[in-house]
Amino acid sequence: MFDVDPIGGTRPAEGLIRARERFRDLIDIQIVAFPQEGIVKSPGTEALMREVMKRGVDAVGGMPFNEASPRDSRRHIEIVFRDRKRIRCRYRYACRRDR
């Protein structure tokens, strides 16, 4: 799992994809793109999520409770589900019961 945000851009995904290819005969590596800083509150993250999905990550994740409002949390979920269906990618979510 790696963080997707404008700080790292696509570099973390590129490195992990190269490592997965290099060691594919030795180990199975599942790469999960995870927007820990949020999608809505972190400008540029939505486009980066789509880009790393196209580059070949195995799954995308989400952490909607880290967004600024319940409305933004809902938008976060909508973005991940819409894009992962379009690009045919699996998903994983971190959820909290107290929110």
PDB file of N, CA and C in Angstrom:
ATOM      1  N   MET A   1       0.847  -1.160   0.000  1.00  0.00           N
ATOM      2  CA  MET A   1       0.000   0.000   0.000  1.00  0.00           C
ATOM      3  C   MET A   1       0.900   1.233   0.000  1.00  0.00           C
ATOM      4  N   PHE A   2       0.529   2.209  -0.807  1.00  0.00           N
ATOM      5  CA  PHE A   2       1.295   3.452  -0.846  1.00  0.00           C
ATOM      6  C   PHE A   2       0.343   4.635  -0.890  1.00  0.00           C
ATOM      7  N   ASP A   3       0.810   5.753  -0.388  1.00  0.00           N
ATOM      8  CA  ASP A   3       0.013   6.971  -0.343  1.00  0.00           C
ATOM      9  C   ASP A   3       0.019   7.647  -1.705  1.00  0.00           C
ATOM     10  N   VAL A   4      -1.160   8.057  -2.143  1.00  0.00           N
ATOM     11  CA  VAL A   4      -1.291   8.803  -3.397  1.00  0.00           C
ATOM     12  C   VAL A   4      -1.575  10.249  -3.029  1.00  0.00           C
ATOM     13  N   ASP A   5      -0.687  11.143  -3.432  1.00  0.00           N
ATOM     14  CA  ASP A   5      -0.902  12.562  -3.195  1.00  0.00           C
ATOM     15  C   ASP A   5       0.024  13.363  -4.112  1.00  0.00           C
ATOM     16  N   PRO A   6      -0.194  14.662  -4.206  1.00  0.00           N
ATOM     17  CA  PRO A   6       0.645  15.484  -5.084  1.00  0.00           C
ATOM     18  C   PRO A   6       2.114  15.566  -4.647  1.00  0.00           C
ATOM     19  N   ILE A   7       2.416  15.218  -3.410  1.00  0.00           N
ATOM     20  CA  ILE A   7       3.807  15.272  -2.951  1.00  0.00           C
ATOM     21  C   ILE A   7       4.645  14.228  -3.693  1.00  0.00           C
ATOM     22  N   GLY A   8       4.185  12.990  -3.708  1.00  0.00           N
ATOM     23  CA  GLY A   8       4.934  11.914  -4.362  1.00  0.00           C
ATOM     24  C   GLY A   8       4.569  11.715  -5.817  1.00  0.00           C
ATOM     25  N   GLY A   9       3.405  12.210  -6.198  1.00  0.00           N
ATOM     26  CA  GLY A   9       2.958  12.024  -7.574  1.00  0.00           C
ATOM     27  C   GLY A   9       2.817  10.546  -7.908  1.00  0.00           C
ATOM     28  N   THR A  10       3.288  10.151  -9.068  1.00  0.00           N
ATOM     29  CA  THR A  10       3.195   8.742  -9.478  1.00  0.00           C
ATOM     30  C   THR A  10       4.463   7.957  -9.147  1.00  0.00           C
ATOM     31  N   ARG A  11       5.460   8.615  -8.596  1.00  0.00           N
ATOM     32  CA  ARG A  11       6.743   7.936  -8.307  1.00  0.00           C
ATOM     33  C   ARG A  11       6.604   6.700  -7.426  1.00  0.00           C
ATOM     34  N   PRO A  12       5.858   6.749  -6.318  1.00  0.00           N
ATOM     35  CA  PRO A  12       5.738   5.534  -5.513  1.00  0.00           C
ATOM     36  C   PRO A  12       5.131   4.362  -6.301  1.00  0.00           C
ATOM     37  N   ALA A  13       4.109   4.643  -7.087  1.00  0.00           N
ATOM     38  CA  ALA A  13       3.484   3.582  -7.890  1.00  0.00           C
ATOM     39  C   ALA A  13       4.467   3.025  -8.906  1.00  0.00           C
ATOM     40  N   GLU A  14       5.188   3.893  -9.570  1.00  0.00           N
ATOM     41  CA  GLU A  14       6.150   3.450 -10.580  1.00  0.00           C
ATOM     42  C   GLU A  14       7.202   2.530  -9.968  1.00  0.00           C
ATOM     43  N   GLY A  15       7.718   2.887  -8.797  1.00  0.00           N
ATOM     44  CA  GLY A  15       8.726   2.065  -8.136  1.00  0.00           C
ATOM     45  C   GLY A  15       8.179   0.709  -7.726  1.00  0.00           C
ATOM     46  N   LEU A  16       6.967   0.704  -7.174  1.00  0.00           N
ATOM     47  CA  LEU A  16       6.372  -0.557  -6.756  1.00  0.00           C
ATOM     48  C   LEU A  16       6.031  -1.451  -7.944  1.00  0.00           C
ATOM     49  N   ILE A  17       5.561  -0.862  -9.029  1.00  0.00           N
ATOM     50  CA  ILE A  17       5.257  -1.649 -10.226  1.00  0.00           C
ATOM     51  C   ILE A  17       6.533  -2.271 -10.783  1.00  0.00           C
ATOM     52  N   ARG A  18       7.626  -1.506 -10.811  1.00  0.00           N
ATOM     53  CA  ARG A  18       8.912  -2.063 -11.266  1.00  0.00           C
ATOM     54  C   ARG A  18       9.367  -3.205 -10.364  1.00  0.00           C
ATOM     55  N   ALA A  19       9.237  -3.027  -9.048  1.00  0.00           N
ATOM     56  CA  ALA A  19       9.636  -4.083  -8.101  1.00  0.00           C
ATOM     57  C   ALA A  19       8.774  -5.330  -8.292  1.00  0.00           C
ATOM     58  N   ARG A  20       7.480  -5.148  -8.493  1.00  0.00           N
ATOM     59  CA  ARG A  20       6.593  -6.300  -8.718  1.00  0.00           C
ATOM     60  C   ARG A  20       7.016  -7.070  -9.959  1.00  0.00           C
ATOM     61  N   GLU A  21       7.343  -6.349 -11.019  1.00  0.00           N
ATOM     62  CA  GLU A  21       7.788  -7.011 -12.253  1.00  0.00           C
ATOM     63  C   GLU A  21       9.125  -7.722 -12.052  1.00  0.00           C
ATOM     64  N   ARG A  22      10.035  -7.055 -11.394  1.00  0.00           N
ATOM     65  CA  ARG A  22      11.373  -7.623 -11.207  1.00  0.00           C
ATOM     66  C   ARG A  22      11.352  -8.913 -10.377  1.00  0.00           C
ATOM     67  N   PHE A  23      10.489  -8.949  -9.354  1.00  0.00           N
ATOM     68  CA  PHE A  23      10.483 -10.079  -8.432  1.00  0.00           C
ATOM     69  C   PHE A  23       9.273 -11.001  -8.607  1.00  0.00           C
ATOM     70  N   ARG A  24       8.583 -10.887  -9.725  1.00  0.00           N
ATOM     71  CA  ARG A  24       7.344 -11.644  -9.929  1.00  0.00           C
ATOM     72  C   ARG A  24       7.525 -13.147  -9.814  1.00  0.00           C
ATOM     73  N   ASP A  25       8.705 -13.689 -10.128  1.00  0.00           N
ATOM     74  CA  ASP A  25       8.941 -15.130 -10.004  1.00  0.00           C
ATOM     75  C   ASP A  25       9.227 -15.564  -8.569  1.00  0.00           C
ATOM     76  N   LEU A  26       9.484 -14.606  -7.682  1.00  0.00           N
ATOM     77  CA  LEU A  26       9.832 -14.927  -6.299  1.00  0.00           C
ATOM     78  C   LEU A  26       8.705 -14.670  -5.306  1.00  0.00           C
ATOM     79  N   ILE A  27       7.881 -13.654  -5.596  1.00  0.00           N
ATOM     80  CA  ILE A  27       6.862 -13.245  -4.625  1.00  0.00           C
ATOM     81  C   ILE A  27       5.702 -12.570  -5.354  1.00  0.00           C
ATOM     82  N   ASP A  28       4.508 -12.754  -4.804  1.00  0.00           N
ATOM     83  CA  ASP A  28       3.335 -12.047  -5.327  1.00  0.00           C
ATOM     84  C   ASP A  28       3.196 -10.738  -4.564  1.00  0.00           C
ATOM     85  N   ILE A  29       3.189  -9.643  -5.281  1.00  0.00           N
ATOM     86  CA  ILE A  29       3.051  -8.324  -4.665  1.00  0.00           C
ATOM     87  C   ILE A  29       1.755  -7.698  -5.150  1.00  0.00           C
ATOM     88  N   GLN A  30       0.895  -7.319  -4.207  1.00  0.00           N
ATOM     89  CA  GLN A  30      -0.343  -6.617  -4.544  1.00  0.00           C
ATOM     90  C   GLN A  30      -0.134  -5.151  -4.183  1.00  0.00           C
ATOM     91  N   ILE A  31      -0.340  -4.281  -5.160  1.00  0.00           N
ATOM     92  CA  ILE A  31      -0.115  -2.845  -4.964  1.00  0.00           C
ATOM     93  C   ILE A  31      -1.460  -2.143  -4.781  1.00  0.00           C
ATOM     94  N   VAL A  32      -1.592  -1.443  -3.651  1.00  0.00           N
ATOM     95  CA  VAL A  32      -2.826  -0.732  -3.337  1.00  0.00           C
ATOM     96  C   VAL A  32      -2.535   0.761  -3.243  1.00  0.00           C
ATOM     97  N   ALA A  33      -3.195   1.543  -4.074  1.00  0.00           N
ATOM     98  CA  ALA A  33      -3.079   3.004  -4.050  1.00  0.00           C
ATOM     99  C   ALA A  33      -4.041   3.534  -2.985  1.00  0.00           C
ATOM    100  N   PHE A  34      -3.523   4.331  -2.061  1.00  0.00           N
ATOM    101  CA  PHE A  34      -4.306   4.759  -0.915  1.00  0.00           C
ATOM    102  C   PHE A  34      -4.168   6.268  -0.703  1.00  0.00           C
ATOM    103  N   PRO A  35      -5.238   7.035  -0.940  1.00  0.00           N
ATOM    104  CA  PRO A  35      -5.181   8.499  -0.791  1.00  0.00           C
ATOM    105  C   PRO A  35      -5.371   8.933   0.659  1.00  0.00           C
ATOM    106  N   GLN A  36      -4.362   8.745   1.457  1.00  0.00           N
ATOM    107  CA  GLN A  36      -4.453   8.985   2.891  1.00  0.00           C
ATOM    108  C   GLN A  36      -4.767  10.433   3.246  1.00  0.00           C
ATOM    109  N   GLU A  37      -4.294  11.374   2.459  1.00  0.00           N
ATOM    110  CA  GLU A  37      -4.541  12.791   2.751  1.00  0.00           C
ATOM    111  C   GLU A  37      -5.902  13.256   2.275  1.00  0.00           C
ATOM    112  N   GLY A  38      -6.659  12.366   1.664  1.00  0.00           N
ATOM    113  CA  GLY A  38      -7.963  12.717   1.130  1.00  0.00           C
ATOM    114  C   GLY A  38      -7.894  12.952  -0.369  1.00  0.00           C
ATOM    115  N   ILE A  39      -9.020  12.856  -1.020  1.00  0.00           N
ATOM    116  CA  ILE A  39      -9.098  13.116  -2.456  1.00  0.00           C
ATOM    117  C   ILE A  39      -9.640  14.514  -2.691  1.00  0.00           C
ATOM    118  N   VAL A  40     -10.728  14.828  -2.016  1.00  0.00           N
ATOM    119  CA  VAL A  40     -11.394  16.120  -2.218  1.00  0.00           C
ATOM    120  C   VAL A  40     -10.557  17.252  -1.627  1.00  0.00           C
ATOM    121  N   LYS A  41     -10.009  17.060  -0.426  1.00  0.00           N
ATOM    122  CA  LYS A  41      -9.283  18.155   0.224  1.00  0.00           C
ATOM    123  C   LYS A  41      -7.834  18.267  -0.230  1.00  0.00           C
ATOM    124  N   SER A  42      -7.370  17.363  -1.069  1.00  0.00           N
ATOM    125  CA  SER A  42      -5.995  17.406  -1.557  1.00  0.00           C
ATOM    126  C   SER A  42      -6.016  17.560  -3.082  1.00  0.00           C
ATOM    127  N   PRO A  43      -6.026  18.791  -3.579  1.00  0.00           N
ATOM    128  CA  PRO A  43      -6.125  19.037  -5.016  1.00  0.00           C
ATOM    129  C   PRO A  43      -5.061  18.264  -5.815  1.00  0.00           C
ATOM    130  N   GLY A  44      -5.517  17.633  -6.875  1.00  0.00           N
ATOM    131  CA  GLY A  44      -4.617  16.877  -7.738  1.00  0.00           C
ATOM    132  C   GLY A  44      -4.640  15.383  -7.464  1.00  0.00           C
ATOM    133  N   THR A  45      -5.144  14.989  -6.296  1.00  0.00           N
ATOM    134  CA  THR A  45      -5.130  13.571  -5.929  1.00  0.00           C
ATOM    135  C   THR A  45      -6.083  12.749  -6.783  1.00  0.00           C
ATOM    136  N   GLU A  46      -7.232  13.290  -7.136  1.00  0.00           N
ATOM    137  CA  GLU A  46      -8.191  12.542  -7.959  1.00  0.00           C
ATOM    138  C   GLU A  46      -7.550  12.131  -9.285  1.00  0.00           C
ATOM    139  N   ALA A  47      -6.882  13.055  -9.955  1.00  0.00           N
ATOM    140  CA  ALA A  47      -6.223  12.743 -11.233  1.00  0.00           C
ATOM    141  C   ALA A  47      -5.089  11.742 -11.036  1.00  0.00           C
ATOM    142  N   LEU A  48      -4.340  11.874  -9.945  1.00  0.00           N
ATOM    143  CA  LEU A  48      -3.257  10.927  -9.663  1.00  0.00           C
ATOM    144  C   LEU A  48      -3.802   9.520  -9.421  1.00  0.00           C
ATOM    145  N   MET A  49      -4.932   9.421  -8.736  1.00  0.00           N
ATOM    146  CA  MET A  49      -5.545   8.106  -8.511  1.00  0.00           C
ATOM    147  C   MET A  49      -5.866   7.439  -9.843  1.00  0.00           C
ATOM    148  N   ARG A  50      -6.478   8.182 -10.749  1.00  0.00           N
ATOM    149  CA  ARG A  50      -6.798   7.613 -12.065  1.00  0.00           C
ATOM    150  C   ARG A  50      -5.531   7.190 -12.803  1.00  0.00           C
ATOM    151  N   GLU A  51      -4.511   8.013 -12.717  1.00  0.00           N
ATOM    152  CA  GLU A  51      -3.259   7.722 -13.423  1.00  0.00           C
ATOM    153  C   GLU A  51      -2.598   6.448 -12.908  1.00  0.00           C
ATOM    154  N   VAL A  52      -2.508   6.284 -11.585  1.00  0.00           N
ATOM    155  CA  VAL A  52      -1.848   5.078 -11.073  1.00  0.00           C
ATOM    156  C   VAL A  52      -2.684   3.834 -11.331  1.00  0.00           C
ATOM    157  N   MET A  53      -4.011   3.980 -11.397  1.00  0.00           N
ATOM    158  CA  MET A  53      -4.857   2.837 -11.769  1.00  0.00           C
ATOM    159  C   MET A  53      -4.549   2.407 -13.196  1.00  0.00           C
ATOM    160  N   LYS A  54      -4.418   3.376 -14.078  1.00  0.00           N
ATOM    161  CA  LYS A  54      -4.103   3.065 -15.476  1.00  0.00           C
ATOM    162  C   LYS A  54      -2.725   2.442 -15.621  1.00  0.00           C
ATOM    163  N   ARG A  55      -1.807   2.814 -14.737  1.00  0.00           N
ATOM    164  CA  ARG A  55      -0.436   2.286 -14.812  1.00  0.00           C
ATOM    165  C   ARG A  55      -0.314   0.856 -14.300  1.00  0.00           C
ATOM    166  N   GLY A  56      -1.343   0.376 -13.580  1.00  0.00           N
ATOM    167  CA  GLY A  56      -1.318  -1.028 -13.207  1.00  0.00           C
ATOM    168  C   GLY A  56      -1.334  -1.389 -11.742  1.00  0.00           C
ATOM    169  N   VAL A  57      -1.790  -0.496 -10.850  1.00  0.00           N
ATOM    170  CA  VAL A  57      -1.928  -0.929  -9.458  1.00  0.00           C
ATOM    171  C   VAL A  57      -3.047  -1.965  -9.387  1.00  0.00           C
ATOM    172  N   ASP A  58      -3.008  -2.811  -8.383  1.00  0.00           N
ATOM    173  CA  ASP A  58      -3.981  -3.896  -8.273  1.00  0.00           C
ATOM    174  C   ASP A  58      -5.296  -3.467  -7.636  1.00  0.00           C
ATOM    175  N   ALA A  59      -5.228  -2.493  -6.743  1.00  0.00           N
ATOM    176  CA  ALA A  59      -6.427  -2.065  -6.032  1.00  0.00           C
ATOM    177  C   ALA A  59      -6.263  -0.609  -5.611  1.00  0.00           C
ATOM    178  N   VAL A  60      -7.391   0.011  -5.310  1.00  0.00           N
ATOM    179  CA  VAL A  60      -7.376   1.369  -4.778  1.00  0.00           C
ATOM    180  C   VAL A  60      -8.049   1.337  -3.417  1.00  0.00           C
ATOM    181  N   GLY A  61      -7.644   2.245  -2.571  1.00  0.00           N
ATOM    182  CA  GLY A  61      -8.221   2.316  -1.243  1.00  0.00           C
ATOM    183  C   GLY A  61      -8.827   3.676  -1.008  1.00  0.00           C
ATOM    184  N   GLY A  62      -9.364   3.834   0.166  1.00  0.00           N
ATOM    185  CA  GLY A  62      -9.933   5.115   0.510  1.00  0.00           C
ATOM    186  C   GLY A  62      -9.985   5.294   2.009  1.00  0.00           C
ATOM    187  N   MET A  63      -9.988   6.530   2.420  1.00  0.00           N
ATOM    188  CA  MET A  63     -10.103   6.871   3.829  1.00  0.00           C
ATOM    189  C   MET A  63     -11.002   8.103   3.914  1.00  0.00           C
ATOM    190  N   PRO A  64     -12.294   7.913   3.633  1.00  0.00           N
ATOM    191  CA  PRO A  64     -13.204   9.051   3.524  1.00  0.00           C
ATOM    192  C   PRO A  64     -13.343   9.872   4.789  1.00  0.00           C
ATOM    193  N   PHE A  65     -13.105   9.283   5.949  1.00  0.00           N
ATOM    194  CA  PHE A  65     -13.264  10.046   7.188  1.00  0.00           C
ATOM    195  C   PHE A  65     -12.186  11.097   7.361  1.00  0.00           C
ATOM    196  N   ASN A  66     -11.176  11.096   6.508  1.00  0.00           N
ATOM    197  CA  ASN A  66     -10.126  12.112   6.591  1.00  0.00           C
ATOM    198  C   ASN A  66     -10.460  13.363   5.771  1.00  0.00           C
ATOM    199  N   GLU A  67     -11.587  13.364   5.108  1.00  0.00           N
ATOM    200  CA  GLU A  67     -12.012  14.549   4.352  1.00  0.00           C
ATOM    201  C   GLU A  67     -12.540  15.615   5.320  1.00  0.00           C
ATOM    202  N   ALA A  68     -12.772  16.810   4.821  1.00  0.00           N
ATOM    203  CA  ALA A  68     -13.131  17.953   5.669  1.00  0.00           C
ATOM    204  C   ALA A  68     -14.583  17.942   6.155  1.00  0.00           C
ATOM    205  N   SER A  69     -15.475  17.228   5.472  1.00  0.00           N
ATOM    206  CA  SER A  69     -16.883  17.247   5.856  1.00  0.00           C
ATOM    207  C   SER A  69     -17.550  15.937   5.428  1.00  0.00           C
ATOM    208  N   PRO A  70     -18.724  15.642   5.989  1.00  0.00           N
ATOM    209  CA  PRO A  70     -19.454  14.455   5.546  1.00  0.00           C
ATOM    210  C   PRO A  70     -19.758  14.490   4.042  1.00  0.00           C
ATOM    211  N   ARG A  71     -20.050  15.665   3.540  1.00  0.00           N
ATOM    212  CA  ARG A  71     -20.314  15.806   2.099  1.00  0.00           C
ATOM    213  C   ARG A  71     -19.067  15.440   1.277  1.00  0.00           C
ATOM    214  N   ASP A  72     -17.909  15.899   1.709  1.00  0.00           N
ATOM    215  CA  ASP A  72     -16.660  15.563   1.014  1.00  0.00           C
ATOM    216  C   ASP A  72     -16.334  14.077   1.158  1.00  0.00           C
ATOM    217  N   SER A  73     -16.668  13.488   2.303  1.00  0.00           N
ATOM    218  CA  SER A  73     -16.462  12.048   2.487  1.00  0.00           C
ATOM    219  C   SER A  73     -17.285  11.254   1.479  1.00  0.00           C
ATOM    220  N   ARG A  74     -18.515  11.683   1.286  1.00  0.00           N
ATOM    221  CA  ARG A  74     -19.382  11.011   0.301  1.00  0.00           C
ATOM    222  C   ARG A  74     -18.793  11.151  -1.103  1.00  0.00           C
ATOM    223  N   ARG A  75     -18.321  12.326  -1.432  1.00  0.00           N
ATOM    224  CA  ARG A  75     -17.703  12.565  -2.749  1.00  0.00           C
ATOM    225  C   ARG A  75     -16.460  11.684  -2.919  1.00  0.00           C
ATOM    226  N   HIS A  76     -15.656  11.547  -1.881  1.00  0.00           N
ATOM    227  CA  HIS A  76     -14.476  10.689  -1.874  1.00  0.00           C
ATOM    228  C   HIS A  76     -14.859   9.264  -2.290  1.00  0.00           C
ATOM    229  N   ILE A  77     -15.897   8.730  -1.645  1.00  0.00           N
ATOM    230  CA  ILE A  77     -16.361   7.374  -1.948  1.00  0.00           C
ATOM    231  C   ILE A  77     -16.859   7.282  -3.385  1.00  0.00           C
ATOM    232  N   GLU A  78     -17.627   8.260  -3.820  1.00  0.00           N
ATOM    233  CA  GLU A  78     -18.145   8.264  -5.189  1.00  0.00           C
ATOM    234  C   GLU A  78     -17.008   8.243  -6.215  1.00  0.00           C
ATOM    235  N   ILE A  79     -15.975   9.027  -5.979  1.00  0.00           N
ATOM    236  CA  ILE A  79     -14.840   9.102  -6.902  1.00  0.00           C
ATOM    237  C   ILE A  79     -14.146   7.747  -7.008  1.00  0.00           C
ATOM    238  N   VAL A  80     -13.848   7.137  -5.859  1.00  0.00           N
ATOM    239  CA  VAL A  80     -13.137   5.852  -5.876  1.00  0.00           C
ATOM    240  C   VAL A  80     -13.975   4.783  -6.572  1.00  0.00           C
ATOM    241  N   PHE A  81     -15.259   4.680  -6.250  1.00  0.00           N
ATOM    242  CA  PHE A  81     -16.088   3.651  -6.866  1.00  0.00           C
ATOM    243  C   PHE A  81     -16.276   3.893  -8.362  1.00  0.00           C
ATOM    244  N   ARG A  82     -16.467   5.129  -8.754  1.00  0.00           N
ATOM    245  CA  ARG A  82     -16.637   5.445 -10.177  1.00  0.00           C
ATOM    246  C   ARG A  82     -15.387   5.078 -10.968  1.00  0.00           C
ATOM    247  N   ASP A  83     -14.240   5.529 -10.492  1.00  0.00           N
ATOM    248  CA  ASP A  83     -13.001   5.309 -11.236  1.00  0.00           C
ATOM    249  C   ASP A  83     -12.570   3.857 -11.231  1.00  0.00           C
ATOM    250  N   ARG A  84     -12.700   3.176 -10.113  1.00  0.00           N
ATOM    251  CA  ARG A  84     -12.257   1.784 -10.076  1.00  0.00           C
ATOM    252  C   ARG A  84     -13.142   0.913 -10.968  1.00  0.00           C
ATOM    253  N   LYS A  85     -14.416   1.230 -11.118  1.00  0.00           N
ATOM    254  CA  LYS A  85     -15.277   0.475 -12.036  1.00  0.00           C
ATOM    255  C   LYS A  85     -14.883   0.740 -13.487  1.00  0.00           C
ATOM    256  N   ARG A  86     -14.578   1.972 -13.799  1.00  0.00           N
ATOM    257  CA  ARG A  86     -14.223   2.346 -15.161  1.00  0.00           C
ATOM    258  C   ARG A  86     -12.901   1.700 -15.577  1.00  0.00           C
ATOM    259  N   ILE A  87     -11.964   1.603 -14.639  1.00  0.00           N
ATOM    260  CA  ILE A  87     -10.637   1.083 -14.966  1.00  0.00           C
ATOM    261  C   ILE A  87     -10.512  -0.394 -14.559  1.00  0.00           C
ATOM    262  N   ARG A  88     -11.536  -0.947 -13.918  1.00  0.00           N
ATOM    263  CA  ARG A  88     -11.565  -2.354 -13.492  1.00  0.00           C
ATOM    264  C   ARG A  88     -10.472  -2.661 -12.478  1.00  0.00           C
ATOM    265  N   CYS A  89     -10.593  -2.021 -11.361  1.00  0.00           N
ATOM    266  CA  CYS A  89      -9.626  -2.154 -10.285  1.00  0.00           C
ATOM    267  C   CYS A  89     -10.388  -2.541  -9.014  1.00  0.00           C
ATOM    268  N   ARG A  90      -9.800  -3.339  -8.151  1.00  0.00           N
ATOM    269  CA  ARG A  90     -10.420  -3.683  -6.868  1.00  0.00           C
ATOM    270  C   ARG A  90     -10.283  -2.509  -5.898  1.00  0.00           C
ATOM    271  N   TYR A  91     -10.956  -2.607  -4.759  1.00  0.00           N
ATOM    272  CA  TYR A  91     -10.866  -1.516  -3.782  1.00  0.00           C
ATOM    273  C   TYR A  91     -10.777  -2.055  -2.358  1.00  0.00           C
ATOM    274  N   ARG A  92     -10.204  -1.239  -1.475  1.00  0.00           N
ATOM    275  CA  ARG A  92     -10.116  -1.499  -0.030  1.00  0.00           C
ATOM    276  C   ARG A  92     -10.396  -0.173   0.667  1.00  0.00           C
ATOM    277  N   TYR A  93     -11.105  -0.230   1.784  1.00  0.00           N
ATOM    278  CA  TYR A  93     -11.442   0.988   2.510  1.00  0.00           C
ATOM    279  C   TYR A  93     -11.068   0.904   3.977  1.00  0.00           C
ATOM    280  N   ALA A  94     -10.632   2.013   4.515  1.00  0.00           N
ATOM    281  CA  ALA A  94     -10.425   2.144   5.961  1.00  0.00           C
ATOM    282  C   ALA A  94     -11.649   2.887   6.499  1.00  0.00           C
ATOM    283  N   CYS A  95     -12.289   2.328   7.491  1.00  0.00           N
ATOM    284  CA  CYS A  95     -13.503   2.931   8.035  1.00  0.00           C
ATOM    285  C   CYS A  95     -13.382   3.102   9.539  1.00  0.00           C
ATOM    286  N   ARG A  96     -14.121   4.072  10.033  1.00  0.00           N
ATOM    287  CA  ARG A  96     -14.161   4.306  11.475  1.00  0.00           C
ATOM    288  C   ARG A  96     -15.602   4.269  11.927  1.00  0.00           C
ATOM    289  N   ARG A  97     -15.853   3.642  13.047  1.00  0.00           N
ATOM    290  CA  ARG A  97     -17.215   3.534  13.562  1.00  0.00           C
ATOM    291  C   ARG A  97     -17.652   4.781  14.315  1.00  0.00           C
ATOM    292  N   ASP A  98     -16.714   5.576  14.801  1.00  0.00           N
ATOM    293  CA  ASP A  98     -17.056   6.709  15.643  1.00  0.00           C
ATOM    294  C   ASP A  98     -17.419   7.970  14.874  1.00  0.00           C
ATOM    295  N   ARG A  99     -17.476   7.877  13.554  1.00  0.00           N
ATOM    296  CA  ARG A  99     -17.839   9.068  12.769  1.00  0.00           C
ATOM    297  C   ARG A  99     -19.016   8.804  11.905  1.00  0.00           C
TER     298      ARG A  99
END
